[in-house]
Structure formats: structure tokens, C-alpha cells
Amino acid sequence: TISQDNAKNTLSLEMISLKPEDTAMYYCAAAQQVSLHIPLTVGGYNVW
């Protein structure tokens, strides 16, 4: 579950029922400008 707390300027990702295949380096990303890129594509974000 992804959530955003604008009062604290934070983004969260709650993960439950984790599986071995979830093992990875997790990155936070943000888009400063509107983009036509699909939301889950790397090209849609310019801040990492």
C-alpha cells in the first residue's frame, strides 16, 4: 500500500505478506512535471 503524508512531506510503502521475490533495492521517485509516461515507468520520474 502506497500513501503520502503531505503534512510530513513523506511517502510510504507498507508491505505485508512479503515473499522472497520481493527482495530488492527499493527506490523512492518523484515527478516534478506532468508526464504522459505510464506511472510505473522509470522515464516518468526525474527525482530519485
ModelCIF file with pLDDT and N, C-alpha, C, O atoms, coordinates in Angstrom:
data_MODEL
#
_entry.id   MODEL 
#
_entity.id                         1 
_entity.type                       polymer 
_entity.pdbx_number_of_molecules   1 
#
_entity_poly.entity_id                      1 
_entity_poly.type                           'polypeptide(L)' 
_entity_poly.nstd_linkage                   no 
_entity_poly.nstd_monomer                   no 
_entity_poly.pdbx_seq_one_letter_code       TISQDNAKNTLSLEMISLKPEDTAMYYCAAAQQVSLHIPLTVGGYNVW 
_entity_poly.pdbx_seq_one_letter_code_can   TISQDNAKNTLSLEMISLKPEDTAMYYCAAAQQVSLHIPLTVGGYNVW 
_entity_poly.pdbx_strand_id                 A 
#
loop_
_entity_poly_seq.entity_id 
_entity_poly_seq.num 
_entity_poly_seq.mon_id 
_entity_poly_seq.hetero 
1 1  THR n 
1 2  ILE n 
1 3  SER n 
1 4  GLN n 
1 5  ASP n 
1 6  ASN n 
1 7  ALA n 
1 8  LYS n 
1 9  ASN n 
1 10 THR n 
1 11 LEU n 
1 12 SER n 
1 13 LEU n 
1 14 GLU n 
1 15 MET n 
1 16 ILE n 
1 17 SER n 
1 18 LEU n 
1 19 LYS n 
1 20 PRO n 
1 21 GLU n 
1 22 ASP n 
1 23 THR n 
1 24 ALA n 
1 25 MET n 
1 26 TYR n 
1 27 TYR n 
1 28 CYS n 
1 29 ALA n 
1 30 ALA n 
1 31 ALA n 
1 32 GLN n 
1 33 GLN n 
1 34 VAL n 
1 35 SER n 
1 36 LEU n 
1 37 HIS n 
1 38 ILE n 
1 39 PRO n 
1 40 LEU n 
1 41 THR n 
1 42 VAL n 
1 43 GLY n 
1 44 GLY n 
1 45 TYR n 
1 46 ASN n 
1 47 VAL n 
1 48 TRP n 
#
_struct_asym.id          A 
_struct_asym.entity_id   1 
#
loop_
_ma_qa_metric.id 
_ma_qa_metric.mode 
_ma_qa_metric.name 
_ma_qa_metric.software_group_id 
_ma_qa_metric.type 
1 global pLDDT . pLDDT 
2 local  pLDDT . pLDDT 
#
_ma_qa_metric_global.metric_id      1 
_ma_qa_metric_global.metric_value   93.12 
_ma_qa_metric_global.model_id       1 
_ma_qa_metric_global.ordinal_id     1 
#
loop_
_ma_qa_metric_local.label_asym_id 
_ma_qa_metric_local.label_comp_id 
_ma_qa_metric_local.label_seq_id 
_ma_qa_metric_local.metric_id 
_ma_qa_metric_local.metric_value 
_ma_qa_metric_local.model_id 
_ma_qa_metric_local.ordinal_id 
A THR 1  2 98.00 1 1  
A ILE 2  2 98.00 1 2  
A SER 3  2 96.00 1 3  
A GLN 4  2 94.00 1 4  
A ASP 5  2 91.00 1 5  
A ASN 6  2 87.00 1 6  
A ALA 7  2 90.00 1 7  
A LYS 8  2 91.00 1 8  
A ASN 9  2 93.00 1 9  
A THR 10 2 95.00 1 10 
A LEU 11 2 96.00 1 11 
A SER 12 2 97.00 1 12 
A LEU 13 2 98.00 1 13 
A GLU 14 2 98.00 1 14 
A MET 15 2 98.00 1 15 
A ILE 16 2 98.00 1 16 
A SER 17 2 98.00 1 17 
A LEU 18 2 98.00 1 18 
A LYS 19 2 98.00 1 19 
A PRO 20 2 98.00 1 20 
A GLU 21 2 97.00 1 21 
A ASP 22 2 98.00 1 22 
A THR 23 2 98.00 1 23 
A ALA 24 2 98.00 1 24 
A MET 25 2 98.00 1 25 
A TYR 26 2 98.00 1 26 
A TYR 27 2 98.00 1 27 
A CYS 28 2 97.00 1 28 
A ALA 29 2 97.00 1 29 
A ALA 30 2 95.00 1 30 
A ALA 31 2 94.00 1 31 
A GLN 32 2 91.00 1 32 
A GLN 33 2 86.00 1 33 
A VAL 34 2 79.00 1 34 
A SER 35 2 72.00 1 35 
A LEU 36 2 71.00 1 36 
A HIS 37 2 76.00 1 37 
A ILE 38 2 83.00 1 38 
A PRO 39 2 89.00 1 39 
A LEU 40 2 94.00 1 40 
A THR 41 2 94.00 1 41 
A VAL 42 2 94.00 1 42 
A GLY 43 2 93.00 1 43 
A GLY 44 2 92.00 1 44 
A TYR 45 2 94.00 1 45 
A ASN 46 2 93.00 1 46 
A VAL 47 2 95.00 1 47 
A TRP 48 2 96.00 1 48 
#
loop_
_atom_site.group_PDB 
_atom_site.id 
_atom_site.type_symbol 
_atom_site.label_atom_id 
_atom_site.label_alt_id 
_atom_site.label_comp_id 
_atom_site.label_asym_id 
_atom_site.label_entity_id 
_atom_site.label_seq_id 
_atom_site.pdbx_PDB_ins_code 
_atom_site.Cartn_x 
_atom_site.Cartn_y 
_atom_site.Cartn_z 
_atom_site.occupancy 
_atom_site.B_iso_or_equiv 
_atom_site.pdbx_formal_charge 
_atom_site.auth_seq_id 
_atom_site.auth_comp_id 
_atom_site.auth_asym_id 
_atom_site.auth_atom_id 
_atom_site.pdbx_PDB_model_num 
ATOM 1   N N  . THR A 1 1  ? 0.839  -1.187  0.000   1.00 98.00 ? 1  THR A N  1 
ATOM 2   C CA . THR A 1 1  ? 0.000  0.000   0.000   1.00 98.00 ? 1  THR A CA 1 
ATOM 3   C C  . THR A 1 1  ? 0.879  1.244   0.000   1.00 98.00 ? 1  THR A C  1 
ATOM 4   O O  . THR A 1 1  ? 1.731  1.408   0.873   1.00 98.00 ? 1  THR A O  1 
ATOM 5   N N  . ILE A 1 2  ? 0.674  2.110   -0.972  1.00 98.00 ? 2  ILE A N  1 
ATOM 6   C CA . ILE A 1 2  ? 1.431  3.351   -1.051  1.00 98.00 ? 2  ILE A CA 1 
ATOM 7   C C  . ILE A 1 2  ? 0.581  4.479   -0.475  1.00 98.00 ? 2  ILE A C  1 
ATOM 8   O O  . ILE A 1 2  ? -0.632 4.516   -0.680  1.00 98.00 ? 2  ILE A O  1 
ATOM 9   N N  . SER A 1 3  ? 1.212  5.383   0.233   1.00 96.00 ? 3  SER A N  1 
ATOM 10  C CA . SER A 1 3  ? 0.492  6.509   0.809   1.00 96.00 ? 3  SER A CA 1 
ATOM 11  C C  . SER A 1 3  ? 1.402  7.724   0.879   1.00 96.00 ? 3  SER A C  1 
ATOM 12  O O  . SER A 1 3  ? 2.626  7.603   0.847   1.00 96.00 ? 3  SER A O  1 
ATOM 13  N N  . GLN A 1 4  ? 0.796  8.878   0.974   1.00 94.00 ? 4  GLN A N  1 
ATOM 14  C CA . GLN A 1 4  ? 1.532  10.129  1.008   1.00 94.00 ? 4  GLN A CA 1 
ATOM 15  C C  . GLN A 1 4  ? 1.027  10.982  2.159   1.00 94.00 ? 4  GLN A C  1 
ATOM 16  O O  . GLN A 1 4  ? -0.179 11.179  2.309   1.00 94.00 ? 4  GLN A O  1 
ATOM 17  N N  . ASP A 1 5  ? 1.941  11.484  2.968   1.00 91.00 ? 5  ASP A N  1 
ATOM 18  C CA . ASP A 1 5  ? 1.596  12.344  4.085   1.00 91.00 ? 5  ASP A CA 1 
ATOM 19  C C  . ASP A 1 5  ? 2.153  13.725  3.772   1.00 91.00 ? 5  ASP A C  1 
ATOM 20  O O  . ASP A 1 5  ? 3.330  13.997  4.012   1.00 91.00 ? 5  ASP A O  1 
ATOM 21  N N  . ASN A 1 6  ? 1.318  14.579  3.246   1.00 87.00 ? 6  ASN A N  1 
ATOM 22  C CA . ASN A 1 6  ? 1.776  15.910  2.861   1.00 87.00 ? 6  ASN A CA 1 
ATOM 23  C C  . ASN A 1 6  ? 2.175  16.783  4.047   1.00 87.00 ? 6  ASN A C  1 
ATOM 24  O O  . ASN A 1 6  ? 2.989  17.694  3.901   1.00 87.00 ? 6  ASN A O  1 
ATOM 25  N N  . ALA A 1 7  ? 1.611  16.511  5.207   1.00 90.00 ? 7  ALA A N  1 
ATOM 26  C CA . ALA A 1 7  ? 1.952  17.284  6.398   1.00 90.00 ? 7  ALA A CA 1 
ATOM 27  C C  . ALA A 1 7  ? 3.389  17.017  6.831   1.00 90.00 ? 7  ALA A C  1 
ATOM 28  O O  . ALA A 1 7  ? 4.042  17.890  7.402   1.00 90.00 ? 7  ALA A O  1 
ATOM 29  N N  . LYS A 1 8  ? 3.877  15.811  6.560   1.00 91.00 ? 8  LYS A N  1 
ATOM 30  C CA . LYS A 1 8  ? 5.225  15.420  6.949   1.00 91.00 ? 8  LYS A CA 1 
ATOM 31  C C  . LYS A 1 8  ? 6.180  15.342  5.764   1.00 91.00 ? 8  LYS A C  1 
ATOM 32  O O  . LYS A 1 8  ? 7.364  15.053  5.931   1.00 91.00 ? 8  LYS A O  1 
ATOM 33  N N  . ASN A 1 9  ? 5.665  15.598  4.581   1.00 93.00 ? 9  ASN A N  1 
ATOM 34  C CA . ASN A 1 9  ? 6.463  15.521  3.355   1.00 93.00 ? 9  ASN A CA 1 
ATOM 35  C C  . ASN A 1 9  ? 7.113  14.146  3.207   1.00 93.00 ? 9  ASN A C  1 
ATOM 36  O O  . ASN A 1 9  ? 8.308  14.032  2.932   1.00 93.00 ? 9  ASN A O  1 
ATOM 37  N N  . THR A 1 10 ? 6.315  13.127  3.391   1.00 95.00 ? 10 THR A N  1 
ATOM 38  C CA . THR A 1 10 ? 6.825  11.773  3.284   1.00 95.00 ? 10 THR A CA 1 
ATOM 39  C C  . THR A 1 10 ? 5.952  10.891  2.401   1.00 95.00 ? 10 THR A C  1 
ATOM 40  O O  . THR A 1 10 ? 4.754  11.126  2.243   1.00 95.00 ? 10 THR A O  1 
ATOM 41  N N  . LEU A 1 11 ? 6.572  9.893   1.844   1.00 96.00 ? 11 LEU A N  1 
ATOM 42  C CA . LEU A 1 11 ? 5.902  8.886   1.040   1.00 96.00 ? 11 LEU A CA 1 
ATOM 43  C C  . LEU A 1 11 ? 6.189  7.561   1.726   1.00 96.00 ? 11 LEU A C  1 
ATOM 44  O O  . LEU A 1 11 ? 7.313  7.321   2.168   1.00 96.00 ? 11 LEU A O  1 
ATOM 45  N N  . SER A 1 12 ? 5.193  6.710   1.818   1.00 97.00 ? 12 SER A N  1 
ATOM 46  C CA . SER A 1 12 ? 5.374  5.430   2.489   1.00 97.00 ? 12 SER A CA 1 
ATOM 47  C C  . SER A 1 12 ? 4.949  4.262   1.616   1.00 97.00 ? 12 SER A C  1 
ATOM 48  O O  . SER A 1 12 ? 4.165  4.414   0.678   1.00 97.00 ? 12 SER A O  1 
ATOM 49  N N  . LEU A 1 13 ? 5.479  3.104   1.943   1.00 98.00 ? 13 LEU A N  1 
ATOM 50  C CA . LEU A 1 13 ? 5.089  1.874   1.268   1.00 98.00 ? 13 LEU A CA 1 
ATOM 51  C C  . LEU A 1 13 ? 4.972  0.810   2.344   1.00 98.00 ? 13 LEU A C  1 
ATOM 52  O O  . LEU A 1 13 ? 5.974  0.352   2.893   1.00 98.00 ? 13 LEU A O  1 
ATOM 53  N N  . GLU A 1 14 ? 3.746  0.422   2.638   1.00 98.00 ? 14 GLU A N  1 
ATOM 54  C CA . GLU A 1 14 ? 3.508  -0.624  3.612   1.00 98.00 ? 14 GLU A CA 1 
ATOM 55  C C  . GLU A 1 14 ? 3.472  -1.957  2.878   1.00 98.00 ? 14 GLU A C  1 
ATOM 56  O O  . GLU A 1 14 ? 2.699  -2.134  1.936   1.00 98.00 ? 14 GLU A O  1 
ATOM 57  N N  . MET A 1 15 ? 4.292  -2.873  3.304   1.00 98.00 ? 15 MET A N  1 
ATOM 58  C CA . MET A 1 15 ? 4.402  -4.163  2.650   1.00 98.00 ? 15 MET A CA 1 
ATOM 59  C C  . MET A 1 15 ? 4.073  -5.276  3.644   1.00 98.00 ? 15 MET A C  1 
ATOM 60  O O  . MET A 1 15 ? 4.651  -5.344  4.729   1.00 98.00 ? 15 MET A O  1 
ATOM 61  N N  . ILE A 1 16 ? 3.148  -6.134  3.264   1.00 98.00 ? 16 ILE A N  1 
ATOM 62  C CA . ILE A 1 16 ? 2.790  -7.275  4.094   1.00 98.00 ? 16 ILE A CA 1 
ATOM 63  C C  . ILE A 1 16 ? 2.896  -8.535  3.256   1.00 98.00 ? 16 ILE A C  1 
ATOM 64  O O  . ILE A 1 16 ? 3.010  -8.476  2.032   1.00 98.00 ? 16 ILE A O  1 
ATOM 65  N N  . SER A 1 17 ? 2.858  -9.678  3.932   1.00 98.00 ? 17 SER A N  1 
ATOM 66  C CA . SER A 1 17 ? 2.942  -10.967 3.250   1.00 98.00 ? 17 SER A CA 1 
ATOM 67  C C  . SER A 1 17 ? 4.109  -10.998 2.279   1.00 98.00 ? 17 SER A C  1 
ATOM 68  O O  . SER A 1 17 ? 3.967  -11.420 1.131   1.00 98.00 ? 17 SER A O  1 
ATOM 69  N N  . LEU A 1 18 ? 5.245  -10.553 2.745   1.00 98.00 ? 18 LEU A N  1 
ATOM 70  C CA . LEU A 1 18 ? 6.423  -10.478 1.886   1.00 98.00 ? 18 LEU A CA 1 
ATOM 71  C C  . LEU A 1 18 ? 6.889  -11.851 1.413   1.00 98.00 ? 18 LEU A C  1 
ATOM 72  O O  . LEU A 1 18 ? 6.805  -12.845 2.133   1.00 98.00 ? 18 LEU A O  1 
ATOM 73  N N  . LYS A 1 19 ? 7.376  -11.867 0.191   1.00 98.00 ? 19 LYS A N  1 
ATOM 74  C CA . LYS A 1 19 ? 7.857  -13.084 -0.439  1.00 98.00 ? 19 LYS A CA 1 
ATOM 75  C C  . LYS A 1 19 ? 9.329  -12.928 -0.815  1.00 98.00 ? 19 LYS A C  1 
ATOM 76  O O  . LYS A 1 19 ? 9.803  -11.804 -0.984  1.00 98.00 ? 19 LYS A O  1 
ATOM 77  N N  . PRO A 1 20 ? 10.051 -14.029 -0.946  1.00 98.00 ? 20 PRO A N  1 
ATOM 78  C CA . PRO A 1 20 ? 11.459 -13.937 -1.332  1.00 98.00 ? 20 PRO A CA 1 
ATOM 79  C C  . PRO A 1 20 ? 11.665 -13.136 -2.622  1.00 98.00 ? 20 PRO A C  1 
ATOM 80  O O  . PRO A 1 20 ? 12.675 -12.446 -2.765  1.00 98.00 ? 20 PRO A O  1 
ATOM 81  N N  . GLU A 1 21 ? 10.729 -13.223 -3.548  1.00 97.00 ? 21 GLU A N  1 
ATOM 82  C CA . GLU A 1 21 ? 10.852 -12.487 -4.800  1.00 97.00 ? 21 GLU A CA 1 
ATOM 83  C C  . GLU A 1 21 ? 10.692 -10.980 -4.644  1.00 97.00 ? 21 GLU A C  1 
ATOM 84  O O  . GLU A 1 21 ? 10.897 -10.233 -5.601  1.00 97.00 ? 21 GLU A O  1 
ATOM 85  N N  . ASP A 1 22 ? 10.328 -10.530 -3.451  1.00 98.00 ? 22 ASP A N  1 
ATOM 86  C CA . ASP A 1 22 ? 10.238 -9.099  -3.183  1.00 98.00 ? 22 ASP A CA 1 
ATOM 87  C C  . ASP A 1 22 ? 11.605 -8.529  -2.830  1.00 98.00 ? 22 ASP A C  1 
ATOM 88  O O  . ASP A 1 22 ? 11.760 -7.313  -2.718  1.00 98.00 ? 22 ASP A O  1 
ATOM 89  N N  . THR A 1 23 ? 12.577 -9.381  -2.659  1.00 98.00 ? 23 THR A N  1 
ATOM 90  C CA . THR A 1 23 ? 13.929 -8.951  -2.313  1.00 98.00 ? 23 THR A CA 1 
ATOM 91  C C  . THR A 1 23 ? 14.492 -8.054  -3.406  1.00 98.00 ? 23 THR A C  1 
ATOM 92  O O  . THR A 1 23 ? 14.552 -8.442  -4.572  1.00 98.00 ? 23 THR A O  1 
ATOM 93  N N  . ALA A 1 24 ? 14.900 -6.862  -3.020  1.00 98.00 ? 24 ALA A N  1 
ATOM 94  C CA . ALA A 1 24 ? 15.426 -5.887  -3.979  1.00 98.00 ? 24 ALA A CA 1 
ATOM 95  C C  . ALA A 1 24 ? 15.820 -4.608  -3.265  1.00 98.00 ? 24 ALA A C  1 
ATOM 96  O O  . ALA A 1 24 ? 15.540 -4.425  -2.081  1.00 98.00 ? 24 ALA A O  1 
ATOM 97  N N  . MET A 1 25 ? 16.474 -3.728  -4.008  1.00 98.00 ? 25 MET A N  1 
ATOM 98  C CA . MET A 1 25 ? 16.738 -2.394  -3.515  1.00 98.00 ? 25 MET A CA 1 
ATOM 99  C C  . MET A 1 25 ? 15.509 -1.580  -3.904  1.00 98.00 ? 25 MET A C  1 
ATOM 100 O O  . MET A 1 25 ? 15.116 -1.567  -5.070  1.00 98.00 ? 25 MET A O  1 
ATOM 101 N N  . TYR A 1 26 ? 14.911 -0.913  -2.947  1.00 98.00 ? 26 TYR A N  1 
ATOM 102 C CA . TYR A 1 26 ? 13.715 -0.128  -3.203  1.00 98.00 ? 26 TYR A CA 1 
ATOM 103 C C  . TYR A 1 26 ? 14.046 1.353   -3.272  1.00 98.00 ? 26 TYR A C  1 
ATOM 104 O O  . TYR A 1 26 ? 14.730 1.893   -2.402  1.00 98.00 ? 26 TYR A O  1 
ATOM 105 N N  . TYR A 1 27 ? 13.551 2.002   -4.318  1.00 98.00 ? 27 TYR A N  1 
ATOM 106 C CA . TYR A 1 27 ? 13.822 3.411   -4.553  1.00 98.00 ? 27 TYR A CA 1 
ATOM 107 C C  . TYR A 1 27 ? 12.562 4.259   -4.536  1.00 98.00 ? 27 TYR A C  1 
ATOM 108 O O  . TYR A 1 27 ? 11.507 3.841   -5.014  1.00 98.00 ? 27 TYR A O  1 
ATOM 109 N N  . CYS A 1 28 ? 12.683 5.434   -3.988  1.00 97.00 ? 28 CYS A N  1 
ATOM 110 C CA . CYS A 1 28 ? 11.614 6.417   -3.986  1.00 97.00 ? 28 CYS A CA 1 
ATOM 111 C C  . CYS A 1 28 ? 11.864 7.326   -5.183  1.00 97.00 ? 28 CYS A C  1 
ATOM 112 O O  . CYS A 1 28 ? 13.011 7.669   -5.471  1.00 97.00 ? 28 CYS A O  1 
ATOM 113 N N  . ALA A 1 29 ? 10.815 7.713   -5.872  1.00 97.00 ? 29 ALA A N  1 
ATOM 114 C CA . ALA A 1 29 ? 10.949 8.576   -7.037  1.00 97.00 ? 29 ALA A CA 1 
ATOM 115 C C  . ALA A 1 29 ? 9.832  9.608   -7.079  1.00 97.00 ? 29 ALA A C  1 
ATOM 116 O O  . ALA A 1 29 ? 8.749  9.393   -6.535  1.00 97.00 ? 29 ALA A O  1 
ATOM 117 N N  . ALA A 1 30 ? 10.109 10.728  -7.731  1.00 95.00 ? 30 ALA A N  1 
ATOM 118 C CA . ALA A 1 30 ? 9.118  11.790  -7.849  1.00 95.00 ? 30 ALA A CA 1 
ATOM 119 C C  . ALA A 1 30 ? 9.194  12.442  -9.225  1.00 95.00 ? 30 ALA A C  1 
ATOM 120 O O  . ALA A 1 30 ? 10.258 12.521  -9.838  1.00 95.00 ? 30 ALA A O  1 
ATOM 121 N N  . ALA A 1 31 ? 8.046  12.902  -9.688  1.00 94.00 ? 31 ALA A N  1 
ATOM 122 C CA . ALA A 1 31 ? 7.950  13.599  -10.962 1.00 94.00 ? 31 ALA A CA 1 
ATOM 123 C C  . ALA A 1 31 ? 7.626  15.060  -10.676 1.00 94.00 ? 31 ALA A C  1 
ATOM 124 O O  . ALA A 1 31 ? 6.600  15.373  -10.070 1.00 94.00 ? 31 ALA A O  1 
ATOM 125 N N  . GLN A 1 32 ? 8.506  15.944  -11.114 1.00 91.00 ? 32 GLN A N  1 
ATOM 126 C CA . GLN A 1 32 ? 8.302  17.368  -10.877 1.00 91.00 ? 32 GLN A CA 1 
ATOM 127 C C  . GLN A 1 32 ? 7.400  18.014  -11.919 1.00 91.00 ? 32 GLN A C  1 
ATOM 128 O O  . GLN A 1 32 ? 6.894  19.117  -11.716 1.00 91.00 ? 32 GLN A O  1 
ATOM 129 N N  . GLN A 1 33 ? 7.208  17.334  -13.010 1.00 86.00 ? 33 GLN A N  1 
ATOM 130 C CA . GLN A 1 33 ? 6.362  17.843  -14.075 1.00 86.00 ? 33 GLN A CA 1 
ATOM 131 C C  . GLN A 1 33 ? 5.389  16.763  -14.520 1.00 86.00 ? 33 GLN A C  1 
ATOM 132 O O  . GLN A 1 33 ? 5.663  15.569  -14.400 1.00 86.00 ? 33 GLN A O  1 
ATOM 133 N N  . VAL A 1 34 ? 4.266  17.197  -15.026 1.00 79.00 ? 34 VAL A N  1 
ATOM 134 C CA . VAL A 1 34 ? 3.287  16.249  -15.527 1.00 79.00 ? 34 VAL A CA 1 
ATOM 135 C C  . VAL A 1 34 ? 3.908  15.519  -16.706 1.00 79.00 ? 34 VAL A C  1 
ATOM 136 O O  . VAL A 1 34 ? 4.661  16.100  -17.488 1.00 79.00 ? 34 VAL A O  1 
ATOM 137 N N  . SER A 1 35 ? 3.588  14.254  -16.823 1.00 72.00 ? 35 SER A N  1 
ATOM 138 C CA . SER A 1 35 ? 4.160  13.438  -17.877 1.00 72.00 ? 35 SER A CA 1 
ATOM 139 C C  . SER A 1 35 ? 3.132  12.467  -18.425 1.00 72.00 ? 35 SER A C  1 
ATOM 140 O O  . SER A 1 35 ? 2.215  12.034  -17.728 1.00 72.00 ? 35 SER A O  1 
ATOM 141 N N  . LEU A 1 36 ? 3.313  12.141  -19.692 1.00 71.00 ? 36 LEU A N  1 
ATOM 142 C CA . LEU A 1 36 ? 2.424  11.173  -20.315 1.00 71.00 ? 36 LEU A CA 1 
ATOM 143 C C  . LEU A 1 36 ? 2.950  9.757   -20.147 1.00 71.00 ? 36 LEU A C  1 
ATOM 144 O O  . LEU A 1 36 ? 2.323  8.795   -20.591 1.00 71.00 ? 36 LEU A O  1 
ATOM 145 N N  . HIS A 1 37 ? 4.099  9.635   -19.506 1.00 76.00 ? 37 HIS A N  1 
ATOM 146 C CA . HIS A 1 37 ? 4.654  8.316   -19.259 1.00 76.00 ? 37 HIS A CA 1 
ATOM 147 C C  . HIS A 1 37 ? 3.716  7.505   -18.378 1.00 76.00 ? 37 HIS A C  1 
ATOM 148 O O  . HIS A 1 37 ? 3.006  8.052   -17.533 1.00 76.00 ? 37 HIS A O  1 
ATOM 149 N N  . ILE A 1 38 ? 3.722  6.223   -18.584 1.00 83.00 ? 38 ILE A N  1 
ATOM 150 C CA . ILE A 1 38 ? 2.937  5.329   -17.746 1.00 83.00 ? 38 ILE A CA 1 
ATOM 151 C C  . ILE A 1 38 ? 3.473  5.468   -16.325 1.00 83.00 ? 38 ILE A C  1 
ATOM 152 O O  . ILE A 1 38 ? 4.689  5.488   -16.134 1.00 83.00 ? 38 ILE A O  1 
ATOM 153 N N  . PRO A 1 39 ? 2.596  5.564   -15.321 1.00 89.00 ? 39 PRO A N  1 
ATOM 154 C CA . PRO A 1 39 ? 3.007  5.805   -13.933 1.00 89.00 ? 39 PRO A CA 1 
ATOM 155 C C  . PRO A 1 39 ? 4.126  4.935   -13.382 1.00 89.00 ? 39 PRO A C  1 
ATOM 156 O O  . PRO A 1 39 ? 4.921  5.409   -12.571 1.00 89.00 ? 39 PRO A O  1 
ATOM 157 N N  . LEU A 1 40 ? 4.209  3.696   -13.793 1.00 94.00 ? 40 LEU A N  1 
ATOM 158 C CA . LEU A 1 40 ? 5.217  2.796   -13.251 1.00 94.00 ? 40 LEU A CA 1 
ATOM 159 C C  . LEU A 1 40 ? 6.441  2.611   -14.145 1.00 94.00 ? 40 LEU A C  1 
ATOM 160 O O  . LEU A 1 40 ? 7.152  1.612   -14.036 1.00 94.00 ? 40 LEU A O  1 
ATOM 161 N N  . THR A 1 41 ? 6.679  3.566   -15.018 1.00 94.00 ? 41 THR A N  1 
ATOM 162 C CA . THR A 1 41 ? 7.860  3.512   -15.869 1.00 94.00 ? 41 THR A CA 1 
ATOM 163 C C  . THR A 1 41 ? 8.901  4.500   -15.367 1.00 94.00 ? 41 THR A C  1 
ATOM 164 O O  . THR A 1 41 ? 8.564  5.593   -14.912 1.00 94.00 ? 41 THR A O  1 
ATOM 165 N N  . VAL A 1 42 ? 10.158 4.111   -15.452 1.00 94.00 ? 42 VAL A N  1 
ATOM 166 C CA . VAL A 1 42 ? 11.261 4.928   -14.969 1.00 94.00 ? 42 VAL A CA 1 
ATOM 167 C C  . VAL A 1 42 ? 11.287 6.307   -15.614 1.00 94.00 ? 42 VAL A C  1 
ATOM 168 O O  . VAL A 1 42 ? 11.583 7.300   -14.950 1.00 94.00 ? 42 VAL A O  1 
ATOM 169 N N  . GLY A 1 43 ? 10.976 6.371   -16.905 1.00 93.00 ? 43 GLY A N  1 
ATOM 170 C CA . GLY A 1 43 ? 11.018 7.631   -17.633 1.00 93.00 ? 43 GLY A CA 1 
ATOM 171 C C  . GLY A 1 43 ? 10.064 8.691   -17.136 1.00 93.00 ? 43 GLY A C  1 
ATOM 172 O O  . GLY A 1 43 ? 10.195 9.858   -17.507 1.00 93.00 ? 43 GLY A O  1 
ATOM 173 N N  . GLY A 1 44 ? 9.122  8.323   -16.319 1.00 92.00 ? 44 GLY A N  1 
ATOM 174 C CA . GLY A 1 44 ? 8.163  9.284   -15.814 1.00 92.00 ? 44 GLY A CA 1 
ATOM 175 C C  . GLY A 1 44 ? 8.626  10.060  -14.599 1.00 92.00 ? 44 GLY A C  1 
ATOM 176 O O  . GLY A 1 44 ? 7.892  10.911  -14.096 1.00 92.00 ? 44 GLY A O  1 
ATOM 177 N N  . TYR A 1 45 ? 9.829  9.787   -14.117 1.00 94.00 ? 45 TYR A N  1 
ATOM 178 C CA . TYR A 1 45 ? 10.338 10.416  -12.904 1.00 94.00 ? 45 TYR A CA 1 
ATOM 179 C C  . TYR A 1 45 ? 11.726 11.017  -13.088 1.00 94.00 ? 45 TYR A C  1 
ATOM 180 O O  . TYR A 1 45 ? 12.577 10.445  -13.769 1.00 94.00 ? 45 TYR A O  1 
ATOM 181 N N  . ASN A 1 46 ? 11.939 12.160  -12.484 1.00 93.00 ? 46 ASN A N  1 
ATOM 182 C CA . ASN A 1 46 ? 13.226 12.839  -12.632 1.00 93.00 ? 46 ASN A CA 1 
ATOM 183 C C  . ASN A 1 46 ? 13.946 13.092  -11.313 1.00 93.00 ? 46 ASN A C  1 
ATOM 184 O O  . ASN A 1 46 ? 15.029 13.677  -11.306 1.00 93.00 ? 46 ASN A O  1 
ATOM 185 N N  . VAL A 1 47 ? 13.364 12.663  -10.205 1.00 95.00 ? 47 VAL A N  1 
ATOM 186 C CA . VAL A 1 47 ? 13.993 12.803  -8.896  1.00 95.00 ? 47 VAL A CA 1 
ATOM 187 C C  . VAL A 1 47 ? 14.018 11.431  -8.241  1.00 95.00 ? 47 VAL A C  1 
ATOM 188 O O  . VAL A 1 47 ? 12.988 10.762  -8.153  1.00 95.00 ? 47 VAL A O  1 
ATOM 189 N N  . TRP A 1 48 ? 15.193 11.011  -7.782  1.00 96.00 ? 48 TRP A N  1 
ATOM 190 C CA . TRP A 1 48 ? 15.349 9.677   -7.220  1.00 96.00 ? 48 TRP A CA 1 
ATOM 191 C C  . TRP A 1 48 ? 16.113 9.668   -5.903  1.00 96.00 ? 48 TRP A C  1 
ATOM 192 O O  . TRP A 1 48 ? 16.319 8.606   -5.315  1.00 96.00 ? 48 TRP A O  1 
#
